[in-house]
């Protein structure tokens, strides 16, 4: 485990929609390839889609996949980022 690993997971979750969705659907399987301590795994598993809402405002040039987390549709006026 290292701070670098945690930052890599967070960075990927913010910029990769499919990874983020997978992390919510099956966090154990999605995060299995990362060397994380049990505490770090718990912290990532305990996060909510609302906490990842920063991903919604990323420019498409740096984000992989369209924003499609339906649980946040109302948190920003229901607007999707411009394409």
PDB file of N, CA and C in Angstrom:
ATOM      1  N   UNK A   1       0.834  -1.173   0.000  1.00  0.00           N
ATOM      2  CA  UNK A   1       0.000   0.000   0.000  1.00  0.00           C
ATOM      3  C   UNK A   1       0.873   1.228   0.000  1.00  0.00           C
ATOM      4  N   UNK A   2       0.398   2.219  -0.684  1.00  0.00           N
ATOM      5  CA  UNK A   2       1.052   3.514  -0.656  1.00  0.00           C
ATOM      6  C   UNK A   2       0.022   4.586  -0.973  1.00  0.00           C
ATOM      7  N   UNK A   3       0.387   5.799  -0.656  1.00  0.00           N
ATOM      8  CA  UNK A   3      -0.483   6.919  -0.991  1.00  0.00           C
ATOM      9  C   UNK A   3      -0.691   6.971  -2.503  1.00  0.00           C
ATOM     10  N   UNK A   4       0.341   6.581  -3.236  1.00  0.00           N
ATOM     11  CA  UNK A   4       0.259   6.568  -4.697  1.00  0.00           C
ATOM     12  C   UNK A   4      -0.859   5.629  -5.176  1.00  0.00           C
ATOM     13  N   UNK A   5      -1.002   4.482  -4.548  1.00  0.00           N
ATOM     14  CA  UNK A   5      -2.045   3.521  -4.933  1.00  0.00           C
ATOM     15  C   UNK A   5      -3.430   4.088  -4.676  1.00  0.00           C
ATOM     16  N   UNK A   6      -3.627   4.681  -3.527  1.00  0.00           N
ATOM     17  CA  UNK A   6      -4.925   5.290  -3.198  1.00  0.00           C
ATOM     18  C   UNK A   6      -5.237   6.400  -4.200  1.00  0.00           C
ATOM     19  N   UNK A   7      -4.244   7.223  -4.507  1.00  0.00           N
ATOM     20  CA  UNK A   7      -4.454   8.295  -5.475  1.00  0.00           C
ATOM     21  C   UNK A   7      -4.769   7.738  -6.861  1.00  0.00           C
ATOM     22  N   UNK A   8      -4.139   6.627  -7.220  1.00  0.00           N
ATOM     23  CA  UNK A   8      -4.413   6.011  -8.522  1.00  0.00           C
ATOM     24  C   UNK A   8      -5.861   5.533  -8.602  1.00  0.00           C
ATOM     25  N   UNK A   9      -6.345   4.910  -7.542  1.00  0.00           N
ATOM     26  CA  UNK A   9      -7.735   4.435  -7.514  1.00  0.00           C
ATOM     27  C   UNK A   9      -8.694   5.615  -7.587  1.00  0.00           C
ATOM     28  N   UNK A  10      -8.441   6.636  -6.792  1.00  0.00           N
ATOM     29  CA  UNK A  10      -9.318   7.806  -6.792  1.00  0.00           C
ATOM     30  C   UNK A  10      -9.303   8.484  -8.158  1.00  0.00           C
ATOM     31  N   UNK A  11      -8.122   8.642  -8.734  1.00  0.00           N
ATOM     32  CA  UNK A  11      -8.017   9.263 -10.046  1.00  0.00           C
ATOM     33  C   UNK A  11      -8.767   8.485 -11.107  1.00  0.00           C
ATOM     34  N   UNK A  12      -8.632   7.160 -11.063  1.00  0.00           N
ATOM     35  CA  UNK A  12      -9.334   6.338 -12.044  1.00  0.00           C
ATOM     36  C   UNK A  12     -10.845   6.413 -11.838  1.00  0.00           C
ATOM     37  N   UNK A  13     -11.270   6.401 -10.584  1.00  0.00           N
ATOM     38  CA  UNK A  13     -12.708   6.481 -10.292  1.00  0.00           C
ATOM     39  C   UNK A  13     -13.304   7.810 -10.751  1.00  0.00           C
ATOM     40  N   UNK A  14     -12.526   8.870 -10.656  1.00  0.00           N
ATOM     41  CA  UNK A  14     -13.029  10.177 -11.072  1.00  0.00           C
ATOM     42  C   UNK A  14     -13.087  10.288 -12.589  1.00  0.00           C
ATOM     43  N   UNK A  15     -12.113   9.723 -13.283  1.00  0.00           N
ATOM     44  CA  UNK A  15     -12.032   9.932 -14.729  1.00  0.00           C
ATOM     45  C   UNK A  15     -12.605   8.807 -15.577  1.00  0.00           C
ATOM     46  N   UNK A  16     -12.937   7.674 -14.970  1.00  0.00           N
ATOM     47  CA  UNK A  16     -13.415   6.520 -15.739  1.00  0.00           C
ATOM     48  C   UNK A  16     -14.784   6.081 -15.224  1.00  0.00           C
ATOM     49  N   UNK A  17     -15.814   6.430 -15.958  1.00  0.00           N
ATOM     50  CA  UNK A  17     -17.193   6.149 -15.550  1.00  0.00           C
ATOM     51  C   UNK A  17     -17.433   4.668 -15.306  1.00  0.00           C
ATOM     52  N   UNK A  18     -16.969   3.814 -16.199  1.00  0.00           N
ATOM     53  CA  UNK A  18     -17.204   2.373 -16.044  1.00  0.00           C
ATOM     54  C   UNK A  18     -16.497   1.812 -14.819  1.00  0.00           C
ATOM     55  N   UNK A  19     -15.288   2.274 -14.549  1.00  0.00           N
ATOM     56  CA  UNK A  19     -14.570   1.842 -13.349  1.00  0.00           C
ATOM     57  C   UNK A  19     -15.334   2.274 -12.105  1.00  0.00           C
ATOM     58  N   UNK A  20     -15.799   3.524 -12.101  1.00  0.00           N
ATOM     59  CA  UNK A  20     -16.548   4.050 -10.956  1.00  0.00           C
ATOM     60  C   UNK A  20     -17.819   3.235 -10.723  1.00  0.00           C
ATOM     61  N   UNK A  21     -18.547   2.936 -11.784  1.00  0.00           N
ATOM     62  CA  UNK A  21     -19.765   2.135 -11.645  1.00  0.00           C
ATOM     63  C   UNK A  21     -19.432   0.740 -11.124  1.00  0.00           C
ATOM     64  N   UNK A  22     -18.367   0.162 -11.632  1.00  0.00           N
ATOM     65  CA  UNK A  22     -17.935  -1.157 -11.188  1.00  0.00           C
ATOM     66  C   UNK A  22     -17.539  -1.125  -9.711  1.00  0.00           C
ATOM     67  N   UNK A  23     -16.911  -0.034  -9.298  1.00  0.00           N
ATOM     68  CA  UNK A  23     -16.497   0.096  -7.904  1.00  0.00           C
ATOM     69  C   UNK A  23     -17.708   0.103  -6.969  1.00  0.00           C
ATOM     70  N   UNK A  24     -18.818   0.684  -7.417  1.00  0.00           N
ATOM     71  CA  UNK A  24     -20.027   0.670  -6.600  1.00  0.00           C
ATOM     72  C   UNK A  24     -20.738  -0.678  -6.678  1.00  0.00           C
ATOM     73  N   UNK A  25     -20.743  -1.301  -7.847  1.00  0.00           N
ATOM     74  CA  UNK A  25     -21.452  -2.568  -8.031  1.00  0.00           C
ATOM     75  C   UNK A  25     -20.752  -3.731  -7.341  1.00  0.00           C
ATOM     76  N   UNK A  26     -19.428  -3.790  -7.444  1.00  0.00           N
ATOM     77  CA  UNK A  26     -18.662  -4.896  -6.860  1.00  0.00           C
ATOM     78  C   UNK A  26     -17.284  -4.382  -6.442  1.00  0.00           C
ATOM     79  N   UNK A  27     -17.231  -3.641  -5.337  1.00  0.00           N
ATOM     80  CA  UNK A  27     -15.966  -3.026  -4.938  1.00  0.00           C
ATOM     81  C   UNK A  27     -14.849  -4.030  -4.675  1.00  0.00           C
ATOM     82  N   UNK A  28     -15.164  -5.169  -4.083  1.00  0.00           N
ATOM     83  CA  UNK A  28     -14.118  -6.151  -3.781  1.00  0.00           C
ATOM     84  C   UNK A  28     -13.430  -6.629  -5.055  1.00  0.00           C
ATOM     85  N   UNK A  29     -14.200  -6.961  -6.061  1.00  0.00           N
ATOM     86  CA  UNK A  29     -13.622  -7.439  -7.319  1.00  0.00           C
ATOM     87  C   UNK A  29     -12.909  -6.318  -8.061  1.00  0.00           C
ATOM     88  N   UNK A  30     -13.506  -5.135  -8.079  1.00  0.00           N
ATOM     89  CA  UNK A  30     -12.927  -4.011  -8.806  1.00  0.00           C
ATOM     90  C   UNK A  30     -11.601  -3.574  -8.205  1.00  0.00           C
ATOM     91  N   UNK A  31     -11.500  -3.610  -6.893  1.00  0.00           N
ATOM     92  CA  UNK A  31     -10.303  -3.119  -6.215  1.00  0.00           C
ATOM     93  C   UNK A  31      -9.301  -4.223  -5.881  1.00  0.00           C
ATOM     94  N   UNK A  32      -9.606  -5.458  -6.236  1.00  0.00           N
ATOM     95  CA  UNK A  32      -8.755  -6.595  -5.871  1.00  0.00           C
ATOM     96  C   UNK A  32      -7.335  -6.494  -6.416  1.00  0.00           C
ATOM     97  N   UNK A  33      -7.165  -5.883  -7.554  1.00  0.00           N
ATOM     98  CA  UNK A  33      -5.829  -5.816  -8.154  1.00  0.00           C
ATOM     99  C   UNK A  33      -4.959  -4.700  -7.564  1.00  0.00           C
ATOM    100  N   UNK A  34      -5.527  -3.907  -6.685  1.00  0.00           N
ATOM    101  CA  UNK A  34      -4.776  -2.821  -6.046  1.00  0.00           C
ATOM    102  C   UNK A  34      -4.321  -3.263  -4.665  1.00  0.00           C
ATOM    103  N   UNK A  35      -3.120  -2.885  -4.291  1.00  0.00           N
ATOM    104  CA  UNK A  35      -2.610  -3.210  -2.961  1.00  0.00           C
ATOM    105  C   UNK A  35      -3.099  -2.158  -1.969  1.00  0.00           C
ATOM    106  N   UNK A  36      -4.248  -2.440  -1.383  1.00  0.00           N
ATOM    107  CA  UNK A  36      -4.874  -1.532  -0.429  1.00  0.00           C
ATOM    108  C   UNK A  36      -4.982  -2.208   0.927  1.00  0.00           C
ATOM    109  N   UNK A  37      -4.833  -1.438   1.973  1.00  0.00           N
ATOM    110  CA  UNK A  37      -5.027  -1.979   3.318  1.00  0.00           C
ATOM    111  C   UNK A  37      -6.525  -2.178   3.539  1.00  0.00           C
ATOM    112  N   UNK A  38      -6.895  -2.979   4.527  1.00  0.00           N
ATOM    113  CA  UNK A  38      -8.322  -3.141   4.829  1.00  0.00           C
ATOM    114  C   UNK A  38      -9.011  -1.798   5.124  1.00  0.00           C
ATOM    115  N   UNK A  39      -8.296  -0.902   5.788  1.00  0.00           N
ATOM    116  CA  UNK A  39      -8.867   0.407   6.099  1.00  0.00           C
ATOM    117  C   UNK A  39      -9.136   1.216   4.832  1.00  0.00           C
ATOM    118  N   UNK A  40      -8.203   1.148   3.890  1.00  0.00           N
ATOM    119  CA  UNK A  40      -8.391   1.869   2.630  1.00  0.00           C
ATOM    120  C   UNK A  40      -9.543   1.269   1.829  1.00  0.00           C
ATOM    121  N   UNK A  41      -9.615  -0.056   1.795  1.00  0.00           N
ATOM    122  CA  UNK A  41     -10.729  -0.724   1.107  1.00  0.00           C
ATOM    123  C   UNK A  41     -12.050  -0.290   1.724  1.00  0.00           C
ATOM    124  N   UNK A  42     -12.120  -0.298   3.049  1.00  0.00           N
ATOM    125  CA  UNK A  42     -13.348   0.113   3.739  1.00  0.00           C
ATOM    126  C   UNK A  42     -13.700   1.557   3.401  1.00  0.00           C
ATOM    127  N   UNK A  43     -12.697   2.426   3.366  1.00  0.00           N
ATOM    128  CA  UNK A  43     -12.942   3.830   3.047  1.00  0.00           C
ATOM    129  C   UNK A  43     -13.491   4.008   1.641  1.00  0.00           C
ATOM    130  N   UNK A  44     -12.929   3.291   0.690  1.00  0.00           N
ATOM    131  CA  UNK A  44     -13.411   3.385  -0.689  1.00  0.00           C
ATOM    132  C   UNK A  44     -14.780   2.736  -0.838  1.00  0.00           C
ATOM    133  N   UNK A  45     -14.978   1.592  -0.183  1.00  0.00           N
ATOM    134  CA  UNK A  45     -16.285   0.925  -0.252  1.00  0.00           C
ATOM    135  C   UNK A  45     -17.368   1.740   0.419  1.00  0.00           C
ATOM    136  N   UNK A  46     -16.996   2.506   1.420  1.00  0.00           N
ATOM    137  CA  UNK A  46     -17.975   3.295   2.162  1.00  0.00           C
ATOM    138  C   UNK A  46     -18.340   4.613   1.499  1.00  0.00           C
ATOM    139  N   UNK A  47     -17.676   4.929   0.403  1.00  0.00           N
ATOM    140  CA  UNK A  47     -17.975   6.191  -0.274  1.00  0.00           C
ATOM    141  C   UNK A  47     -19.295   6.082  -1.030  1.00  0.00           C
ATOM    142  N   UNK A  48     -19.877   7.236  -1.265  1.00  0.00           N
ATOM    143  CA  UNK A  48     -21.164   7.283  -1.963  1.00  0.00           C
ATOM    144  C   UNK A  48     -20.989   7.927  -3.342  1.00  0.00           C
ATOM    145  N   UNK A  49     -21.935   7.689  -4.216  1.00  0.00           N
ATOM    146  CA  UNK A  49     -21.871   8.299  -5.540  1.00  0.00           C
ATOM    147  C   UNK A  49     -21.892   9.821  -5.436  1.00  0.00           C
ATOM    148  N   UNK A  50     -22.551  10.332  -4.446  1.00  0.00           N
ATOM    149  CA  UNK A  50     -22.588  11.793  -4.252  1.00  0.00           C
ATOM    150  C   UNK A  50     -21.189  12.331  -3.976  1.00  0.00           C
ATOM    151  N   UNK A  51     -20.386  11.586  -3.246  1.00  0.00           N
ATOM    152  CA  UNK A  51     -19.022  12.024  -2.960  1.00  0.00           C
ATOM    153  C   UNK A  51     -18.160  12.058  -4.221  1.00  0.00           C
ATOM    154  N   UNK A  52     -18.531  11.312  -5.230  1.00  0.00           N
ATOM    155  CA  UNK A  52     -17.778  11.270  -6.483  1.00  0.00           C
ATOM    156  C   UNK A  52     -18.353  12.235  -7.514  1.00  0.00           C
ATOM    157  N   UNK A  53     -19.243  13.121  -7.108  1.00  0.00           N
ATOM    158  CA  UNK A  53     -19.914  14.009  -8.051  1.00  0.00           C
ATOM    159  C   UNK A  53     -18.955  14.947  -8.774  1.00  0.00           C
ATOM    160  N   UNK A  54     -17.754  15.137  -8.269  1.00  0.00           N
ATOM    161  CA  UNK A  54     -16.777  15.968  -8.968  1.00  0.00           C
ATOM    162  C   UNK A  54     -16.537  15.427 -10.374  1.00  0.00           C
ATOM    163  N   UNK A  55     -16.690  14.129 -10.563  1.00  0.00           N
ATOM    164  CA  UNK A  55     -16.476  13.525 -11.878  1.00  0.00           C
ATOM    165  C   UNK A  55     -17.451  14.073 -12.912  1.00  0.00           C
ATOM    166  N   UNK A  56     -18.555  14.536 -12.450  1.00  0.00           N
ATOM    167  CA  UNK A  56     -19.595  15.028 -13.346  1.00  0.00           C
ATOM    168  C   UNK A  56     -19.193  16.279 -14.105  1.00  0.00           C
ATOM    169  N   UNK A  57     -18.310  17.065 -13.550  1.00  0.00           N
ATOM    170  CA  UNK A  57     -17.946  18.331 -14.176  1.00  0.00           C
ATOM    171  C   UNK A  57     -16.648  18.260 -14.981  1.00  0.00           C
ATOM    172  N   UNK A  58     -16.058  17.083 -15.078  1.00  0.00           N
ATOM    173  CA  UNK A  58     -14.828  16.949 -15.847  1.00  0.00           C
ATOM    174  C   UNK A  58     -15.082  17.101 -17.337  1.00  0.00           C
ATOM    175  N   UNK A  59     -14.174  17.721 -17.990  1.00  0.00           N
ATOM    176  CA  UNK A  59     -14.220  17.868 -19.441  1.00  0.00           C
ATOM    177  C   UNK A  59     -14.113  16.487 -20.079  1.00  0.00           C
ATOM    178  N   UNK A  60     -14.880  16.244 -21.128  1.00  0.00           N
ATOM    179  CA  UNK A  60     -14.861  14.944 -21.801  1.00  0.00           C
ATOM    180  C   UNK A  60     -13.483  14.557 -22.312  1.00  0.00           C
ATOM    181  N   UNK A  61     -12.614  15.520 -22.534  1.00  0.00           N
ATOM    182  CA  UNK A  61     -11.275  15.211 -23.034  1.00  0.00           C
ATOM    183  C   UNK A  61     -10.418  14.523 -21.989  1.00  0.00           C
ATOM    184  N   UNK A  62     -10.770  14.640 -20.705  1.00  0.00           N
ATOM    185  CA  UNK A  62      -9.986  13.977 -19.663  1.00  0.00           C
ATOM    186  C   UNK A  62     -10.761  12.909 -18.921  1.00  0.00           C
ATOM    187  N   UNK A  63     -12.023  12.736 -19.269  1.00  0.00           N
ATOM    188  CA  UNK A  63     -12.851  11.718 -18.618  1.00  0.00           C
ATOM    189  C   UNK A  63     -13.203  10.628 -19.615  1.00  0.00           C
ATOM    190  N   UNK A  64     -13.124   9.385 -19.180  1.00  0.00           N
ATOM    191  CA  UNK A  64     -13.459   8.258 -20.035  1.00  0.00           C
ATOM    192  C   UNK A  64     -14.910   7.868 -19.801  1.00  0.00           C
ATOM    193  N   UNK A  65     -15.702   7.841 -20.860  1.00  0.00           N
ATOM    194  CA  UNK A  65     -17.112   7.471 -20.756  1.00  0.00           C
ATOM    195  C   UNK A  65     -17.970   8.662 -20.403  1.00  0.00           C
ATOM    196  N   UNK A  66     -19.213   8.579 -20.758  1.00  0.00           N
ATOM    197  CA  UNK A  66     -20.169   9.637 -20.414  1.00  0.00           C
ATOM    198  C   UNK A  66     -20.572   9.525 -18.970  1.00  0.00           C
ATOM    199  N   UNK A  67     -20.920  10.650 -18.391  1.00  0.00           N
ATOM    200  CA  UNK A  67     -21.461  10.634 -17.028  1.00  0.00           C
ATOM    201  C   UNK A  67     -22.801   9.933 -17.079  1.00  0.00           C
ATOM    202  N   UNK A  68     -22.966   8.885 -16.327  1.00  0.00           N
ATOM    203  CA  UNK A  68     -24.240   8.175 -16.384  1.00  0.00           C
ATOM    204  C   UNK A  68     -24.643   7.628 -15.027  1.00  0.00           C
ATOM    205  N   UNK A  69     -24.258   8.288 -13.966  1.00  0.00           N
ATOM    206  CA  UNK A  69     -24.667   7.872 -12.634  1.00  0.00           C
ATOM    207  C   UNK A  69     -26.032   8.477 -12.353  1.00  0.00           C
ATOM    208  N   UNK A  70     -27.075   7.711 -12.550  1.00  0.00           N
ATOM    209  CA  UNK A  70     -28.448   8.196 -12.420  1.00  0.00           C
ATOM    210  C   UNK A  70     -28.763   8.675 -11.010  1.00  0.00           C
ATOM    211  N   UNK A  71     -28.021   8.182 -10.011  1.00  0.00           N
ATOM    212  CA  UNK A  71     -28.317   8.569  -8.640  1.00  0.00           C
ATOM    213  C   UNK A  71     -28.006  10.032  -8.385  1.00  0.00           C
ATOM    214  N   UNK A  72     -27.249  10.680  -9.264  1.00  0.00           N
ATOM    215  CA  UNK A  72     -26.921  12.082  -9.076  1.00  0.00           C
ATOM    216  C   UNK A  72     -27.653  12.996 -10.044  1.00  0.00           C
ATOM    217  N   UNK A  73     -28.555  12.467 -10.823  1.00  0.00           N
ATOM    218  CA  UNK A  73     -29.208  13.245 -11.870  1.00  0.00           C
ATOM    219  C   UNK A  73     -29.848  14.513 -11.329  1.00  0.00           C
ATOM    220  N   UNK A  74     -30.390  14.478 -10.135  1.00  0.00           N
ATOM    221  CA  UNK A  74     -31.048  15.664  -9.599  1.00  0.00           C
ATOM    222  C   UNK A  74     -30.142  16.586  -8.821  1.00  0.00           C
ATOM    223  N   UNK A  75     -28.918  16.196  -8.538  1.00  0.00           N
ATOM    224  CA  UNK A  75     -28.074  17.002  -7.670  1.00  0.00           C
ATOM    225  C   UNK A  75     -27.494  18.232  -8.353  1.00  0.00           C
ATOM    226  N   UNK A  76     -27.551  18.282  -9.685  1.00  0.00           N
ATOM    227  CA  UNK A  76     -27.063  19.447 -10.405  1.00  0.00           C
ATOM    228  C   UNK A  76     -28.129  19.922 -11.395  1.00  0.00           C
ATOM    229  N   UNK A  77     -29.352  19.957 -10.940  1.00  0.00           N
ATOM    230  CA  UNK A  77     -30.430  20.411 -11.784  1.00  0.00           C
ATOM    231  C   UNK A  77     -30.800  19.429 -12.873  1.00  0.00           C
ATOM    232  N   UNK A  78     -30.311  18.187 -12.763  1.00  0.00           N
ATOM    233  CA  UNK A  78     -30.647  17.167 -13.747  1.00  0.00           C
ATOM    234  C   UNK A  78     -29.951  17.342 -15.079  1.00  0.00           C
ATOM    235  N   UNK A  79     -29.016  18.283 -15.151  1.00  0.00           N
ATOM    236  CA  UNK A  79     -28.343  18.547 -16.412  1.00  0.00           C
ATOM    237  C   UNK A  79     -27.150  17.632 -16.590  1.00  0.00           C
ATOM    238  N   UNK A  80     -26.961  17.167 -17.787  1.00  0.00           N
ATOM    239  CA  UNK A  80     -25.791  16.385 -18.137  1.00  0.00           C
ATOM    240  C   UNK A  80     -24.755  17.337 -18.697  1.00  0.00           C
ATOM    241  N   UNK A  81     -23.472  16.997 -18.608  1.00  0.00           N
ATOM    242  CA  UNK A  81     -22.459  17.866 -19.180  1.00  0.00           C
ATOM    243  C   UNK A  81     -22.635  18.010 -20.689  1.00  0.00           C
ATOM    244  N   UNK A  82     -22.246  19.151 -21.209  1.00  0.00           N
ATOM    245  CA  UNK A  82     -22.338  19.392 -22.652  1.00  0.00           C
ATOM    246  C   UNK A  82     -21.423  18.441 -23.395  1.00  0.00           C
ATOM    247  N   UNK A  83     -21.889  17.977 -24.532  1.00  0.00           N
ATOM    248  CA  UNK A  83     -21.079  17.062 -25.359  1.00  0.00           C
ATOM    249  C   UNK A  83     -20.466  17.806 -26.505  1.00  0.00           C
TER     250      UNK A  83
END
